Amino acid sequence: MKPAPFAYARPGTLAEAVALLGAEPGAARILAGGQSLMPMLNFRLAQPALLVDINRIADGAVLRQDADGLTLGPLVRHADLLRHCAAGRGHPLLAAALPLIAHSGIRNRGTVCGSLALADPAAELPACAVALDAELDLVSPRGTRRIGAEAFFRGIYETALAEDEMIAAVRFPPADPNWRWTCLEVARRQGDFAIAGLAAGFCATGAPAARLVAFGVAERPLRLAAAEAALTARGSDAAVATLADLDLLGGGDYPAAYRRQVLGTLLTRAAAALGAPA
């Protein structure tokens, strides 16, 4: 199939892009990497009146790391961030998650902010953003507002973005050297979306602390607060037991009980890898 007819604009600045969104609220879509949008256009699952191509906006690919953490502009590709992390910078959770995203061709074009804006519940980066308490700068003709990742994701392909807003930047806090991180998932094939996945962190320095965010099992990244408390107080077996209380997605080849079992296995493996008590 081919896309439905649409108008096309290629602004040169972020302000111009936002003005175009404001002129066509609800009818315009942002094109950055296009790895999800283009198939949706071809299948006519998305039929925008206007496509706003931001690939030429100035400073869109900013990737800055300083004492305040890591800041990524709307054109930072997965591959850009992966290279940054591979050089020993970035954040260890992002370094663990990025190689799991699809394949090299998609990582070369797909953008970090685009993945967050899409809010696929089986994607790795939304879960990482929640696990790391990332913040997103949302810009519109009305100005800029900042929102935490946990509040940003609301459901399957549903976020806090208004119809005239786009993500101008995502900010990850600096890595704490006392924390260890990993990202694990089970997918049907390498590069497929996760059937179940887990972004996990553990700190054994001082009072033990944990951060566990599941993906692929609920309508949005799922913070496992009860499992975090159980892991630090009683160990991984107790943490896995708390999963019985979760209402998980299910159906078809992957019923909720199966996803729960897989998630429990991932939690056990993550705890062992991070040095958490069994």
Protein backbone atom coordinates (compact mmCIF):
# COMPACT_ATOMS: atom_id res chain seq x y z
CA MET A 1 0.00 0.00 0.00
CA LYS A 2 0.94 3.64 -0.33
CA PRO A 3 0.35 6.51 2.09
CA ALA A 4 -2.73 8.68 1.87
CA PRO A 5 -1.97 12.13 0.40
CA PHE A 6 -0.32 14.58 2.79
CA ALA A 7 1.43 17.94 2.74
CA TYR A 8 5.15 18.03 3.51
CA ALA A 9 7.22 20.67 5.32
CA ARG A 10 10.92 20.69 6.23
CA PRO A 11 11.57 23.43 8.81
CA GLY A 12 15.06 24.62 9.58
CA THR A 13 14.55 25.41 13.27
CA LEU A 14 12.72 23.96 16.23
CA ALA A 15 10.58 27.11 16.43
CA GLU A 16 9.45 26.65 12.84
CA ALA A 17 8.59 23.00 13.47
CA VAL A 18 6.53 23.90 16.53
CA ALA A 19 4.71 26.63 14.62
CA LEU A 20 3.73 24.08 11.98
CA LEU A 21 2.39 21.73 14.65
CA GLY A 22 0.40 24.58 16.16
CA ALA A 23 -1.08 25.50 12.79
CA GLU A 24 -2.33 21.94 12.26
CA PRO A 25 -3.06 20.61 15.78
CA GLY A 26 -3.88 16.93 15.63
CA ALA A 27 -3.36 16.80 11.86
CA ALA A 28 0.44 17.06 11.73
CA ARG A 29 3.03 14.38 12.53
CA ILE A 30 6.73 14.73 13.21
CA LEU A 31 9.13 12.81 10.97
CA ALA A 32 12.58 12.16 12.48
CA GLY A 33 13.84 8.59 12.02
CA GLY A 34 10.58 7.34 10.54
CA GLN A 35 11.20 3.71 11.48
CA SER A 36 7.71 3.34 12.94
CA LEU A 37 5.93 6.20 11.20
CA MET A 38 6.72 5.19 7.63
CA PRO A 39 5.20 1.69 7.91
CA MET A 40 2.18 3.23 9.63
CA LEU A 41 1.80 5.66 6.72
CA ASN A 42 2.13 2.90 4.14
CA PHE A 43 -0.54 0.80 5.85
CA ARG A 44 -2.64 3.95 6.33
CA LEU A 45 -2.75 3.39 10.06
CA ALA A 46 -1.61 7.02 10.23
CA GLN A 47 -3.05 9.57 7.81
CA PRO A 48 -1.71 13.00 8.79
CA ALA A 49 -2.61 16.04 6.75
CA LEU A 50 0.91 17.40 7.23
CA LEU A 51 4.27 15.67 7.70
CA VAL A 52 6.83 17.86 9.48
CA ASP A 53 10.33 16.63 8.65
CA ILE A 54 12.68 17.83 11.41
CA ASN A 55 15.87 16.25 10.03
CA ARG A 56 17.28 19.65 9.03
CA ILE A 57 16.59 21.58 12.23
CA ALA A 58 19.64 23.23 13.76
CA ASP A 59 21.18 21.54 16.84
CA GLY A 60 18.63 18.71 16.69
CA ALA A 61 21.32 16.07 17.15
CA VAL A 62 22.83 17.58 20.29
CA LEU A 63 24.26 14.91 22.61
CA ARG A 64 25.68 16.56 25.70
CA GLN A 65 27.03 14.99 28.86
CA ASP A 66 28.01 17.12 31.83
CA ALA A 67 27.66 17.23 35.60
CA ASP A 68 23.88 17.43 35.26
CA GLY A 69 23.69 14.21 33.27
CA LEU A 70 23.01 13.31 29.65
CA THR A 71 20.90 15.50 27.34
CA LEU A 72 19.70 14.24 23.96
CA GLY A 73 18.08 16.32 21.24
CA PRO A 74 15.24 15.07 19.01
CA LEU A 75 17.58 13.86 16.23
CA VAL A 76 19.98 11.74 18.32
CA ARG A 77 19.88 8.29 16.74
CA HIS A 78 20.03 5.04 18.68
CA ALA A 79 23.39 4.37 17.02
CA ASP A 80 24.73 7.77 18.13
CA LEU A 81 23.91 7.02 21.75
CA LEU A 82 25.18 3.46 21.48
CA ARG A 83 28.58 4.71 20.27
CA HIS A 84 28.63 7.25 23.09
CA CYS A 85 27.92 4.53 25.67
CA ALA A 86 30.41 2.12 24.10
CA ALA A 87 33.12 4.70 24.72
CA GLY A 88 32.49 4.39 28.45
CA ARG A 89 30.21 7.42 28.69
CA GLY A 90 26.43 7.72 28.85
CA HIS A 91 24.75 5.41 31.36
CA PRO A 92 25.32 1.67 31.96
CA LEU A 93 21.60 0.89 31.68
CA LEU A 94 21.42 2.57 28.29
CA ALA A 95 24.58 0.73 27.25
CA ALA A 96 22.88 -2.57 28.13
CA ALA A 97 19.54 -1.74 26.47
CA LEU A 98 20.57 -0.16 23.17
CA PRO A 99 22.03 -3.32 21.54
CA LEU A 100 18.66 -5.03 22.12
CA ILE A 101 16.82 -2.51 19.95
CA ALA A 102 15.91 -4.03 16.59
CA HIS A 103 18.84 -4.20 14.13
CA SER A 104 21.69 -1.95 13.06
CA GLY A 105 19.78 -0.44 10.12
CA ILE A 106 16.94 0.65 12.37
CA ARG A 107 19.31 1.89 15.07
CA ASN A 108 21.11 4.00 12.44
CA ARG A 109 17.90 5.90 11.62
CA GLY A 110 15.62 5.57 14.63
CA THR A 111 15.79 8.32 17.25
CA VAL A 112 15.72 8.12 21.02
CA CYS A 113 13.05 10.81 21.35
CA GLY A 114 11.02 9.16 18.59
CA SER A 115 10.98 5.88 20.50
CA LEU A 116 9.81 7.69 23.62
CA ALA A 117 7.11 9.58 21.70
CA LEU A 118 5.80 6.37 20.12
CA ALA A 119 5.47 4.75 23.56
CA ASP A 120 5.37 1.16 22.39
CA PRO A 121 4.94 -0.83 25.62
CA ALA A 122 7.40 -3.48 24.41
CA ALA A 123 10.20 -1.01 23.64
CA GLU A 124 13.34 -0.82 25.74
CA LEU A 125 13.97 2.94 25.96
CA PRO A 126 10.68 3.95 27.62
CA ALA A 127 11.39 1.46 30.41
CA CYS A 128 14.94 2.78 30.76
CA ALA A 129 13.63 6.34 30.95
CA VAL A 130 11.29 5.39 33.79
CA ALA A 131 13.97 3.39 35.60
CA LEU A 132 16.41 6.32 35.46
CA ASP A 133 13.88 9.04 36.34
CA ALA A 134 14.52 10.76 33.01
CA GLU A 135 12.82 14.06 32.23
CA LEU A 136 11.41 15.18 28.89
CA ASP A 137 11.18 18.72 27.58
CA LEU A 138 7.94 19.15 25.62
CA VAL A 139 7.71 22.21 23.39
CA SER A 140 4.66 23.79 21.76
CA PRO A 141 3.61 27.28 20.59
CA ARG A 142 2.69 27.91 24.23
CA GLY A 143 6.24 27.32 25.46
CA THR A 144 8.22 24.47 27.05
CA ARG A 145 7.27 22.22 29.93
CA ARG A 146 9.25 19.47 31.63
CA ILE A 147 7.70 16.17 32.68
CA GLY A 148 9.04 13.05 34.36
CA ALA A 149 9.14 9.85 32.32
CA GLU A 150 6.81 7.94 34.64
CA ALA A 151 4.10 10.58 34.18
CA PHE A 152 4.76 10.88 30.44
CA PHE A 153 3.76 7.32 29.51
CA ARG A 154 0.03 6.73 29.88
CA GLY A 155 -0.88 3.65 27.85
CA ILE A 156 -0.33 1.77 24.61
CA TYR A 157 0.99 4.40 22.18
CA GLU A 158 -0.42 7.02 24.56
CA THR A 159 1.62 9.78 26.19
CA ALA A 160 1.23 13.19 27.81
CA LEU A 161 2.06 14.92 24.52
CA ALA A 162 -0.57 17.43 23.43
CA GLU A 163 -1.52 17.57 19.75
CA ASP A 164 0.70 20.62 19.18
CA GLU A 165 3.70 19.40 21.21
CA MET A 166 6.90 17.54 20.36
CA ILE A 167 9.80 16.25 22.45
CA ALA A 168 12.59 18.82 22.27
CA ALA A 169 14.99 16.89 24.53
CA VAL A 170 15.26 14.05 27.00
CA ARG A 171 17.48 14.37 30.07
CA PHE A 172 18.97 11.43 31.95
CA PRO A 173 20.55 12.07 35.37
CA PRO A 174 24.25 11.29 35.86
CA ALA A 175 25.13 7.69 36.61
CA ASP A 176 25.76 6.87 40.27
CA PRO A 177 28.88 4.66 40.48
CA ASN A 178 27.37 2.81 43.45
CA TRP A 179 24.58 1.40 41.27
CA ARG A 180 24.83 -1.58 38.92
CA TRP A 181 22.43 -1.90 35.97
CA THR A 182 21.29 -4.39 33.39
CA CYS A 183 18.56 -4.79 30.79
CA LEU A 184 17.24 -8.25 29.92
CA GLU A 185 14.47 -9.42 27.62
CA VAL A 186 12.96 -12.43 25.88
CA ALA A 187 11.89 -12.00 22.26
CA ARG A 188 10.86 -14.48 19.62
CA ARG A 189 13.87 -13.49 17.51
CA GLN A 190 16.83 -11.21 18.08
CA GLY A 191 15.65 -7.68 17.32
CA ASP A 192 11.93 -8.38 17.75
CA PHE A 193 9.92 -6.49 20.31
CA ALA A 194 10.11 -8.07 23.75
CA ILE A 195 7.57 -10.60 24.96
CA ALA A 196 8.79 -9.58 28.40
CA GLY A 197 11.71 -7.44 29.47
CA LEU A 198 13.23 -5.86 32.56
CA ALA A 199 15.35 -2.77 33.17
CA ALA A 200 16.99 -3.39 36.54
CA GLY A 201 19.32 -1.61 38.91
CA PHE A 202 20.68 -2.44 42.37
CA CYS A 203 22.76 -0.52 44.90
CA ALA A 204 24.37 -2.39 47.78
CA THR A 205 26.18 0.63 49.23
CA GLY A 206 24.63 1.86 52.47
CA ALA A 207 20.95 1.03 52.66
CA PRO A 208 20.28 -1.39 49.75
CA ALA A 209 18.05 -0.01 46.99
CA ALA A 210 16.63 -1.42 43.76
CA ARG A 211 14.91 -0.16 40.65
CA LEU A 212 12.88 -2.57 38.53
CA VAL A 213 10.83 -1.56 35.48
CA ALA A 214 9.18 -4.19 33.28
CA PHE A 215 8.31 -3.75 29.62
CA GLY A 216 6.33 -5.83 27.14
CA VAL A 217 3.98 -7.02 29.88
CA ALA A 218 1.66 -4.04 30.48
CA GLU A 219 0.19 -1.08 28.63
CA ARG A 220 3.17 1.10 29.58
CA PRO A 221 6.51 0.66 31.38
CA LEU A 222 5.61 -0.98 34.68
CA ARG A 223 7.48 0.04 37.83
CA LEU A 224 7.70 -3.01 40.12
CA ALA A 225 7.70 -1.18 43.46
CA ALA A 226 6.68 -4.20 45.54
CA ALA A 227 9.38 -6.32 43.92
CA GLU A 228 11.95 -3.59 44.59
CA ALA A 229 11.10 -3.55 48.28
CA ALA A 230 11.11 -7.35 48.49
CA LEU A 231 14.44 -7.63 46.66
CA THR A 232 16.23 -5.30 49.05
CA ALA A 233 14.65 -6.75 52.17
CA ARG A 234 14.32 -10.48 51.48
CA GLY A 235 16.00 -11.34 48.17
CA SER A 236 15.09 -12.29 44.63
CA ASP A 237 12.80 -15.21 45.51
CA ALA A 238 10.59 -12.86 47.52
CA ALA A 239 10.70 -10.31 44.71
CA VAL A 240 9.53 -12.88 42.18
CA ALA A 241 6.66 -13.85 44.48
CA THR A 242 5.26 -10.30 44.29
CA LEU A 243 4.68 -10.70 40.55
CA ALA A 244 1.65 -12.89 41.31
CA ASP A 245 -0.29 -9.74 42.21
CA LEU A 246 0.31 -7.99 38.87
CA ASP A 247 -2.34 -7.59 36.18
CA LEU A 248 -0.33 -8.31 33.01
CA LEU A 249 -1.18 -8.26 29.32
CA GLY A 250 -2.02 -11.61 27.78
CA GLY A 251 -3.55 -13.26 24.77
CA GLY A 252 -2.71 -15.31 21.73
CA ASP A 253 0.63 -17.11 21.97
CA TYR A 254 1.65 -15.25 25.12
CA PRO A 255 -0.95 -15.44 27.91
CA ALA A 256 -0.46 -13.41 31.05
CA ALA A 257 0.71 -16.45 33.01
CA TYR A 258 3.51 -17.04 30.51
CA ARG A 259 4.64 -13.41 30.61
CA ARG A 260 4.63 -13.58 34.42
CA GLN A 261 6.83 -16.67 34.37
CA VAL A 262 9.25 -15.10 31.90
CA LEU A 263 9.38 -11.88 33.92
CA GLY A 264 10.15 -13.87 37.06
CA THR A 265 13.02 -15.62 35.32
CA LEU A 266 14.40 -12.29 34.10
CA LEU A 267 14.17 -10.84 37.60
CA THR A 268 16.08 -13.79 39.05
CA ARG A 269 18.78 -13.47 36.38
CA ALA A 270 19.04 -9.71 36.82
CA ALA A 271 19.36 -10.00 40.59
CA ALA A 272 22.19 -12.50 40.22
CA ALA A 273 23.97 -10.35 37.65
CA LEU A 274 23.69 -7.26 39.86
CA GLY A 275 24.84 -8.95 43.05
CA ALA A 276 21.46 -8.69 44.78
CA PRO A 277 20.55 -11.26 47.44
CA ALA A 278 18.89 -14.47 46.24
